């Protein structure tokens, strides 16, 4: 009987969130404060889901469709240019 069912809830590879919209899991989200941002890009390599997009050395956007709201980007930003806000705000 178990052969009739798929693997279910099995993560077969890392970094697979780009295959699924996971952004609605979060209870908080990063808000990019452009006036404080110095485009140091410290946040980019720390994002575990590659949600922070840059274009020509300038932080372009944070893709909230895939961001899980972990807050790592806000914690590593030396200029406090990313602020975590609750989803209800």
PDB file of N, CA and C in Angstrom:
ATOM      1  N   UNK A   1       0.821  -1.194   0.000  1.00  0.00           N
ATOM      2  CA  UNK A   1       0.000   0.000   0.000  1.00  0.00           C
ATOM      3  C   UNK A   1       0.866   1.260   0.000  1.00  0.00           C
ATOM      4  N   UNK A   2       1.994   1.296   0.680  1.00  0.00           N
ATOM      5  CA  UNK A   2       2.827   2.493   0.747  1.00  0.00           C
ATOM      6  C   UNK A   2       3.416   2.867  -0.612  1.00  0.00           C
ATOM      7  N   UNK A   3       3.534   1.944  -1.526  1.00  0.00           N
ATOM      8  CA  UNK A   3       4.061   2.231  -2.854  1.00  0.00           C
ATOM      9  C   UNK A   3       3.080   3.056  -3.686  1.00  0.00           C
ATOM     10  N   UNK A   4       1.828   3.108  -3.288  1.00  0.00           N
ATOM     11  CA  UNK A   4       0.819   3.860  -4.013  1.00  0.00           C
ATOM     12  C   UNK A   4       0.953   5.361  -3.792  1.00  0.00           C
ATOM     13  N   UNK A   5       1.617   5.753  -2.708  1.00  0.00           N
ATOM     14  CA  UNK A   5       1.732   7.154  -2.350  1.00  0.00           C
ATOM     15  C   UNK A   5       3.109   7.684  -2.728  1.00  0.00           C
ATOM     16  N   UNK A   6       3.172   8.969  -3.042  1.00  0.00           N
ATOM     17  CA  UNK A   6       4.444   9.612  -3.333  1.00  0.00           C
ATOM     18  C   UNK A   6       5.252   9.808  -2.064  1.00  0.00           C
ATOM     19  N   UNK A   7       6.416  10.398  -2.224  1.00  0.00           N
ATOM     20  CA  UNK A   7       7.309  10.604  -1.089  1.00  0.00           C
ATOM     21  C   UNK A   7       6.766  11.637  -0.116  1.00  0.00           C
ATOM     22  N   UNK A   8       6.000  12.616  -0.567  1.00  0.00           N
ATOM     23  CA  UNK A   8       5.396  13.626   0.293  1.00  0.00           C
ATOM     24  C   UNK A   8       6.353  14.294   1.256  1.00  0.00           C
ATOM     25  N   UNK A   9       6.317  15.578   1.376  1.00  0.00           N
ATOM     26  CA  UNK A   9       7.086  16.372   2.336  1.00  0.00           C
ATOM     27  C   UNK A   9       8.583  16.059   2.360  1.00  0.00           C
ATOM     28  N   UNK A  10       9.099  15.505   1.308  1.00  0.00           N
ATOM     29  CA  UNK A  10      10.519  15.184   1.245  1.00  0.00           C
ATOM     30  C   UNK A  10      11.247  16.272   0.466  1.00  0.00           C
ATOM     31  N   UNK A  11      12.278  16.814   1.050  1.00  0.00           N
ATOM     32  CA  UNK A  11      13.094  17.815   0.375  1.00  0.00           C
ATOM     33  C   UNK A  11      14.247  17.071  -0.280  1.00  0.00           C
ATOM     34  N   UNK A  12      14.239  17.030  -1.601  1.00  0.00           N
ATOM     35  CA  UNK A  12      15.217  16.230  -2.317  1.00  0.00           C
ATOM     36  C   UNK A  12      16.501  16.974  -2.645  1.00  0.00           C
ATOM     37  N   UNK A  13      16.461  18.321  -2.574  1.00  0.00           N
ATOM     38  CA  UNK A  13      17.674  19.094  -2.837  1.00  0.00           C
ATOM     39  C   UNK A  13      17.596  20.420  -2.106  1.00  0.00           C
ATOM     40  N   UNK A  14      18.738  20.995  -1.831  1.00  0.00           N
ATOM     41  CA  UNK A  14      18.769  22.283  -1.135  1.00  0.00           C
ATOM     42  C   UNK A  14      18.486  23.419  -2.103  1.00  0.00           C
ATOM     43  N   UNK A  15      18.065  24.566  -1.566  1.00  0.00           N
ATOM     44  CA  UNK A  15      17.824  25.743  -2.388  1.00  0.00           C
ATOM     45  C   UNK A  15      16.691  25.567  -3.372  1.00  0.00           C
ATOM     46  N   UNK A  16      15.705  24.776  -3.025  1.00  0.00           N
ATOM     47  CA  UNK A  16      14.624  24.507  -3.964  1.00  0.00           C
ATOM     48  C   UNK A  16      13.427  25.429  -3.794  1.00  0.00           C
ATOM     49  N   UNK A  17      13.551  26.479  -2.992  1.00  0.00           N
ATOM     50  CA  UNK A  17      12.396  27.345  -2.772  1.00  0.00           C
ATOM     51  C   UNK A  17      11.992  28.095  -4.033  1.00  0.00           C
ATOM     52  N   UNK A  18      12.904  28.225  -5.012  1.00  0.00           N
ATOM     53  CA  UNK A  18      12.537  28.911  -6.254  1.00  0.00           C
ATOM     54  C   UNK A  18      11.488  28.125  -7.028  1.00  0.00           C
ATOM     55  N   UNK A  19      11.275  26.867  -6.661  1.00  0.00           N
ATOM     56  CA  UNK A  19      10.254  26.047  -7.313  1.00  0.00           C
ATOM     57  C   UNK A  19       8.879  26.233  -6.665  1.00  0.00           C
ATOM     58  N   UNK A  20       8.835  26.883  -5.496  1.00  0.00           N
ATOM     59  CA  UNK A  20       7.583  27.045  -4.747  1.00  0.00           C
ATOM     60  C   UNK A  20       7.507  28.463  -4.197  1.00  0.00           C
ATOM     61  N   UNK A  21       6.341  29.058  -4.230  1.00  0.00           N
ATOM     62  CA  UNK A  21       6.160  30.360  -3.570  1.00  0.00           C
ATOM     63  C   UNK A  21       6.096  30.101  -2.072  1.00  0.00           C
ATOM     64  N   UNK A  22       7.139  30.492  -1.374  1.00  0.00           N
ATOM     65  CA  UNK A  22       7.217  30.227   0.063  1.00  0.00           C
ATOM     66  C   UNK A  22       7.064  31.501   0.889  1.00  0.00           C
ATOM     67  N   UNK A  23       6.895  32.634   0.231  1.00  0.00           N
ATOM     68  CA  UNK A  23       6.860  33.913   0.918  1.00  0.00           C
ATOM     69  C   UNK A  23       5.688  34.112   1.854  1.00  0.00           C
ATOM     70  N   UNK A  24       4.601  33.388   1.646  1.00  0.00           N
ATOM     71  CA  UNK A  24       3.457  33.594   2.531  1.00  0.00           C
ATOM     72  C   UNK A  24       3.577  32.804   3.833  1.00  0.00           C
ATOM     73  N   UNK A  25       4.708  32.147   4.058  1.00  0.00           N
ATOM     74  CA  UNK A  25       4.951  31.462   5.325  1.00  0.00           C
ATOM     75  C   UNK A  25       5.323  32.435   6.426  1.00  0.00           C
ATOM     76  N   UNK A  26       5.847  33.579   6.058  1.00  0.00           N
ATOM     77  CA  UNK A  26       6.471  34.468   7.039  1.00  0.00           C
ATOM     78  C   UNK A  26       5.455  35.263   7.857  1.00  0.00           C
ATOM     79  N   UNK A  27       5.884  35.651   9.053  1.00  0.00           N
ATOM     80  CA  UNK A  27       5.087  36.534   9.902  1.00  0.00           C
ATOM     81  C   UNK A  27       5.708  37.924   9.944  1.00  0.00           C
ATOM     82  N   UNK A  28       6.941  38.034   9.450  1.00  0.00           N
ATOM     83  CA  UNK A  28       7.595  39.332   9.338  1.00  0.00           C
ATOM     84  C   UNK A  28       8.297  39.386   7.991  1.00  0.00           C
ATOM     85  N   UNK A  29       8.568  40.591   7.520  1.00  0.00           N
ATOM     86  CA  UNK A  29       9.207  40.744   6.218  1.00  0.00           C
ATOM     87  C   UNK A  29      10.227  41.876   6.274  1.00  0.00           C
ATOM     88  N   UNK A  30      11.246  41.814   5.416  1.00  0.00           N
ATOM     89  CA  UNK A  30      12.261  42.860   5.396  1.00  0.00           C
ATOM     90  C   UNK A  30      11.793  44.071   4.590  1.00  0.00           C
ATOM     91  N   UNK A  31      11.990  45.234   5.155  1.00  0.00           N
ATOM     92  CA  UNK A  31      11.669  46.490   4.478  1.00  0.00           C
ATOM     93  C   UNK A  31      12.994  47.198   4.188  1.00  0.00           C
ATOM     94  N   UNK A  32      13.290  47.422   2.915  1.00  0.00           N
ATOM     95  CA  UNK A  32      14.543  48.044   2.499  1.00  0.00           C
ATOM     96  C   UNK A  32      14.419  49.557   2.602  1.00  0.00           C
ATOM     97  N   UNK A  33      15.230  50.163   3.451  1.00  0.00           N
ATOM     98  CA  UNK A  33      15.218  51.609   3.647  1.00  0.00           C
ATOM     99  C   UNK A  33      16.290  52.219   2.744  1.00  0.00           C
ATOM    100  N   UNK A  34      15.888  52.618   1.551  1.00  0.00           N
ATOM    101  CA  UNK A  34      16.827  53.080   0.523  1.00  0.00           C
ATOM    102  C   UNK A  34      17.641  54.291   0.961  1.00  0.00           C
ATOM    103  N   UNK A  35      17.073  55.146   1.789  1.00  0.00           N
ATOM    104  CA  UNK A  35      17.804  56.342   2.221  1.00  0.00           C
ATOM    105  C   UNK A  35      18.970  56.005   3.154  1.00  0.00           C
ATOM    106  N   UNK A  36      18.929  54.840   3.809  1.00  0.00           N
ATOM    107  CA  UNK A  36      20.019  54.416   4.698  1.00  0.00           C
ATOM    108  C   UNK A  36      21.009  53.475   4.005  1.00  0.00           C
ATOM    109  N   UNK A  37      20.594  52.867   2.924  1.00  0.00           N
ATOM    110  CA  UNK A  37      21.387  51.847   2.250  1.00  0.00           C
ATOM    111  C   UNK A  37      22.600  52.452   1.548  1.00  0.00           C
ATOM    112  N   UNK A  38      23.766  51.834   1.766  1.00  0.00           N
ATOM    113  CA  UNK A  38      25.017  52.273   1.129  1.00  0.00           C
ATOM    114  C   UNK A  38      25.441  51.289   0.036  1.00  0.00           C
ATOM    115  N   UNK A  39      24.575  50.329  -0.276  1.00  0.00           N
ATOM    116  CA  UNK A  39      24.836  49.318  -1.302  1.00  0.00           C
ATOM    117  C   UNK A  39      26.142  48.563  -1.069  1.00  0.00           C
ATOM    118  N   UNK A  40      26.378  48.222   0.187  1.00  0.00           N
ATOM    119  CA  UNK A  40      27.578  47.449   0.525  1.00  0.00           C
ATOM    120  C   UNK A  40      27.414  45.980   0.139  1.00  0.00           C
ATOM    121  N   UNK A  41      26.179  45.556  -0.054  1.00  0.00           N
ATOM    122  CA  UNK A  41      25.827  44.192  -0.468  1.00  0.00           C
ATOM    123  C   UNK A  41      26.155  43.120   0.566  1.00  0.00           C
ATOM    124  N   UNK A  42      26.325  43.517   1.824  1.00  0.00           N
ATOM    125  CA  UNK A  42      26.561  42.531   2.884  1.00  0.00           C
ATOM    126  C   UNK A  42      25.377  41.565   3.002  1.00  0.00           C
ATOM    127  N   UNK A  43      24.183  42.051   2.744  1.00  0.00           N
ATOM    128  CA  UNK A  43      22.988  41.235   2.900  1.00  0.00           C
ATOM    129  C   UNK A  43      22.861  40.144   1.840  1.00  0.00           C
ATOM    130  N   UNK A  44      23.365  40.402   0.646  1.00  0.00           N
ATOM    131  CA  UNK A  44      23.151  39.498  -0.491  1.00  0.00           C
ATOM    132  C   UNK A  44      23.677  38.082  -0.228  1.00  0.00           C
ATOM    133  N   UNK A  45      24.928  37.893   0.160  1.00  0.00           N
ATOM    134  CA  UNK A  45      25.402  36.513   0.339  1.00  0.00           C
ATOM    135  C   UNK A  45      24.832  35.813   1.573  1.00  0.00           C
ATOM    136  N   UNK A  46      24.279  36.559   2.507  1.00  0.00           N
ATOM    137  CA  UNK A  46      23.728  35.957   3.717  1.00  0.00           C
ATOM    138  C   UNK A  46      22.301  35.456   3.551  1.00  0.00           C
ATOM    139  N   UNK A  47      21.598  35.927   2.547  1.00  0.00           N
ATOM    140  CA  UNK A  47      20.212  35.494   2.347  1.00  0.00           C
ATOM    141  C   UNK A  47      20.191  34.021   1.945  1.00  0.00           C
ATOM    142  N   UNK A  48      19.584  33.159   2.770  1.00  0.00           N
ATOM    143  CA  UNK A  48      19.605  31.725   2.467  1.00  0.00           C
ATOM    144  C   UNK A  48      18.747  31.346   1.262  1.00  0.00           C
ATOM    145  N   UNK A  49      17.871  32.228   0.819  1.00  0.00           N
ATOM    146  CA  UNK A  49      16.997  31.917  -0.307  1.00  0.00           C
ATOM    147  C   UNK A  49      17.281  32.761  -1.544  1.00  0.00           C
ATOM    148  N   UNK A  50      18.361  33.531  -1.535  1.00  0.00           N
ATOM    149  CA  UNK A  50      18.741  34.366  -2.680  1.00  0.00           C
ATOM    150  C   UNK A  50      17.605  35.313  -3.083  1.00  0.00           C
ATOM    151  N   UNK A  51      16.975  35.930  -2.097  1.00  0.00           N
ATOM    152  CA  UNK A  51      15.840  36.828  -2.345  1.00  0.00           C
ATOM    153  C   UNK A  51      16.249  38.277  -2.570  1.00  0.00           C
ATOM    154  N   UNK A  52      17.476  38.620  -2.224  1.00  0.00           N
ATOM    155  CA  UNK A  52      17.912  40.004  -2.338  1.00  0.00           C
ATOM    156  C   UNK A  52      18.604  40.174  -3.682  1.00  0.00           C
ATOM    157  N   UNK A  53      17.982  40.961  -4.524  1.00  0.00           N
ATOM    158  CA  UNK A  53      18.459  41.129  -5.898  1.00  0.00           C
ATOM    159  C   UNK A  53      19.181  42.458  -6.044  1.00  0.00           C
ATOM    160  N   UNK A  54      20.296  42.424  -6.754  1.00  0.00           N
ATOM    161  CA  UNK A  54      21.053  43.642  -7.017  1.00  0.00           C
ATOM    162  C   UNK A  54      21.226  43.784  -8.524  1.00  0.00           C
ATOM    163  N   UNK A  55      21.363  45.016  -8.946  1.00  0.00           N
ATOM    164  CA  UNK A  55      21.558  45.306 -10.362  1.00  0.00           C
ATOM    165  C   UNK A  55      22.636  46.365 -10.468  1.00  0.00           C
ATOM    166  N   UNK A  56      23.734  46.033 -11.127  1.00  0.00           N
ATOM    167  CA  UNK A  56      24.857  46.953 -11.296  1.00  0.00           C
ATOM    168  C   UNK A  56      25.377  47.500  -9.965  1.00  0.00           C
ATOM    169  N   UNK A  57      25.462  46.640  -8.953  1.00  0.00           N
ATOM    170  CA  UNK A  57      26.013  47.033  -7.662  1.00  0.00           C
ATOM    171  C   UNK A  57      25.071  47.832  -6.782  1.00  0.00           C
ATOM    172  N   UNK A  58      23.805  47.868  -7.140  1.00  0.00           N
ATOM    173  CA  UNK A  58      22.805  48.588  -6.343  1.00  0.00           C
ATOM    174  C   UNK A  58      21.708  47.610  -5.959  1.00  0.00           C
ATOM    175  N   UNK A  59      21.350  47.605  -4.677  1.00  0.00           N
ATOM    176  CA  UNK A  59      20.295  46.721  -4.220  1.00  0.00           C
ATOM    177  C   UNK A  59      19.003  47.104  -4.933  1.00  0.00           C
ATOM    178  N   UNK A  60      18.481  46.189  -5.718  1.00  0.00           N
ATOM    179  CA  UNK A  60      17.332  46.456  -6.576  1.00  0.00           C
ATOM    180  C   UNK A  60      16.008  46.170  -5.878  1.00  0.00           C
ATOM    181  N   UNK A  61      15.905  44.969  -5.286  1.00  0.00           N
ATOM    182  CA  UNK A  61      14.656  44.611  -4.603  1.00  0.00           C
ATOM    183  C   UNK A  61      14.872  43.392  -3.727  1.00  0.00           C
ATOM    184  N   UNK A  62      13.910  43.170  -2.852  1.00  0.00           N
ATOM    185  CA  UNK A  62      13.863  41.959  -2.050  1.00  0.00           C
ATOM    186  C   UNK A  62      12.627  41.205  -2.524  1.00  0.00           C
ATOM    187  N   UNK A  63      12.828  40.013  -3.026  1.00  0.00           N
ATOM    188  CA  UNK A  63      11.738  39.228  -3.605  1.00  0.00           C
ATOM    189  C   UNK A  63      10.924  38.581  -2.486  1.00  0.00           C
ATOM    190  N   UNK A  64       9.832  39.211  -2.133  1.00  0.00           N
ATOM    191  CA  UNK A  64       9.002  38.740  -1.020  1.00  0.00           C
ATOM    192  C   UNK A  64       8.191  37.497  -1.363  1.00  0.00           C
ATOM    193  N   UNK A  65       8.147  37.114  -2.647  1.00  0.00           N
ATOM    194  CA  UNK A  65       7.463  35.870  -3.020  1.00  0.00           C
ATOM    195  C   UNK A  65       8.185  34.653  -2.450  1.00  0.00           C
ATOM    196  N   UNK A  66       9.488  34.771  -2.231  1.00  0.00           N
ATOM    197  CA  UNK A  66      10.283  33.648  -1.749  1.00  0.00           C
ATOM    198  C   UNK A  66      10.912  33.878  -0.381  1.00  0.00           C
ATOM    199  N   UNK A  67      10.948  35.107   0.079  1.00  0.00           N
ATOM    200  CA  UNK A  67      11.516  35.434   1.387  1.00  0.00           C
ATOM    201  C   UNK A  67      10.695  34.768   2.489  1.00  0.00           C
ATOM    202  N   UNK A  68      11.389  34.124   3.423  1.00  0.00           N
ATOM    203  CA  UNK A  68      10.705  33.455   4.530  1.00  0.00           C
ATOM    204  C   UNK A  68      10.700  34.281   5.806  1.00  0.00           C
ATOM    205  N   UNK A  69      11.288  35.493   5.750  1.00  0.00           N
ATOM    206  CA  UNK A  69      11.245  36.387   6.895  1.00  0.00           C
ATOM    207  C   UNK A  69      12.185  36.020   8.027  1.00  0.00           C
ATOM    208  N   UNK A  70      13.315  35.406   7.706  1.00  0.00           N
ATOM    209  CA  UNK A  70      14.243  34.958   8.755  1.00  0.00           C
ATOM    210  C   UNK A  70      14.942  36.128   9.455  1.00  0.00           C
ATOM    211  N   UNK A  71      15.117  37.256   8.765  1.00  0.00           N
ATOM    212  CA  UNK A  71      15.723  38.432   9.374  1.00  0.00           C
ATOM    213  C   UNK A  71      17.233  38.479   9.341  1.00  0.00           C
ATOM    214  N   UNK A  72      17.865  37.507   8.705  1.00  0.00           N
ATOM    215  CA  UNK A  72      19.326  37.504   8.630  1.00  0.00           C
ATOM    216  C   UNK A  72      19.816  38.771   7.942  1.00  0.00           C
ATOM    217  N   UNK A  73      19.168  39.182   6.872  1.00  0.00           N
ATOM    218  CA  UNK A  73      19.591  40.375   6.128  1.00  0.00           C
ATOM    219  C   UNK A  73      19.599  41.610   7.028  1.00  0.00           C
ATOM    220  N   UNK A  74      18.585  41.755   7.849  1.00  0.00           N
ATOM    221  CA  UNK A  74      18.513  42.905   8.759  1.00  0.00           C
ATOM    222  C   UNK A  74      19.604  42.832   9.824  1.00  0.00           C
ATOM    223  N   UNK A  75      19.911  41.626  10.274  1.00  0.00           N
ATOM    224  CA  UNK A  75      20.939  41.463  11.308  1.00  0.00           C
ATOM    225  C   UNK A  75      22.348  41.748  10.800  1.00  0.00           C
ATOM    226  N   UNK A  76      22.619  41.461   9.541  1.00  0.00           N
ATOM    227  CA  UNK A  76      23.975  41.666   9.027  1.00  0.00           C
ATOM    228  C   UNK A  76      24.180  43.049   8.415  1.00  0.00           C
ATOM    229  N   UNK A  77      23.132  43.813   8.210  1.00  0.00           N
ATOM    230  CA  UNK A  77      23.268  45.137   7.596  1.00  0.00           C
ATOM    231  C   UNK A  77      23.942  46.119   8.566  1.00  0.00           C
ATOM    232  N   UNK A  78      25.139  46.625   8.199  1.00  0.00           N
ATOM    233  CA  UNK A  78      25.853  47.527   9.104  1.00  0.00           C
ATOM    234  C   UNK A  78      25.259  48.941   9.157  1.00  0.00           C
ATOM    235  N   UNK A  79      24.326  49.235   8.271  1.00  0.00           N
ATOM    236  CA  UNK A  79      23.739  50.582   8.211  1.00  0.00           C
ATOM    237  C   UNK A  79      22.280  50.614   8.644  1.00  0.00           C
ATOM    238  N   UNK A  80      21.780  49.490   9.158  1.00  0.00           N
ATOM    239  CA  UNK A  80      20.371  49.375   9.574  1.00  0.00           C
ATOM    240  C   UNK A  80      19.424  49.798   8.455  1.00  0.00           C
ATOM    241  N   UNK A  81      19.777  49.403   7.232  1.00  0.00           N
ATOM    242  CA  UNK A  81      18.976  49.775   6.068  1.00  0.00           C
ATOM    243  C   UNK A  81      17.913  48.737   5.729  1.00  0.00           C
ATOM    244  N   UNK A  82      17.857  47.667   6.513  1.00  0.00           N
ATOM    245  CA  UNK A  82      16.791  46.670   6.358  1.00  0.00           C
ATOM    246  C   UNK A  82      16.148  46.511   7.721  1.00  0.00           C
ATOM    247  N   UNK A  83      14.863  46.735   7.744  1.00  0.00           N
ATOM    248  CA  UNK A  83      14.096  46.691   8.985  1.00  0.00           C
ATOM    249  C   UNK A  83      13.057  45.585   8.861  1.00  0.00           C
ATOM    250  N   UNK A  84      12.939  44.763   9.871  1.00  0.00           N
ATOM    251  CA  UNK A  84      11.924  43.720   9.847  1.00  0.00           C
ATOM    252  C   UNK A  84      10.605  44.284  10.355  1.00  0.00           C
ATOM    253  N   UNK A  85       9.559  44.061   9.584  1.00  0.00           N
ATOM    254  CA  UNK A  85       8.216  44.515   9.960  1.00  0.00           C
ATOM    255  C   UNK A  85       7.291  43.317  10.031  1.00  0.00           C
ATOM    256  N   UNK A  86       6.298  43.410  10.896  1.00  0.00           N
ATOM    257  CA  UNK A  86       5.328  42.316  10.986  1.00  0.00           C
ATOM    258  C   UNK A  86       4.396  42.374   9.801  1.00  0.00           C
ATOM    259  N   UNK A  87       3.951  41.216   9.382  1.00  0.00           N
ATOM    260  CA  UNK A  87       3.129  41.070   8.193  1.00  0.00           C
ATOM    261  C   UNK A  87       1.872  41.932   8.232  1.00  0.00           C
ATOM    262  N   UNK A  88       1.357  42.211   9.401  1.00  0.00           N
ATOM    263  CA  UNK A  88       0.137  42.998   9.551  1.00  0.00           C
ATOM    264  C   UNK A  88       0.353  44.487   9.381  1.00  0.00           C
ATOM    265  N   UNK A  89       1.617  44.946   9.328  1.00  0.00           N
ATOM    266  CA  UNK A  89       1.903  46.383   9.228  1.00  0.00           C
ATOM    267  C   UNK A  89       1.738  46.891   7.817  1.00  0.00           C
TER     268      UNK A  89
END
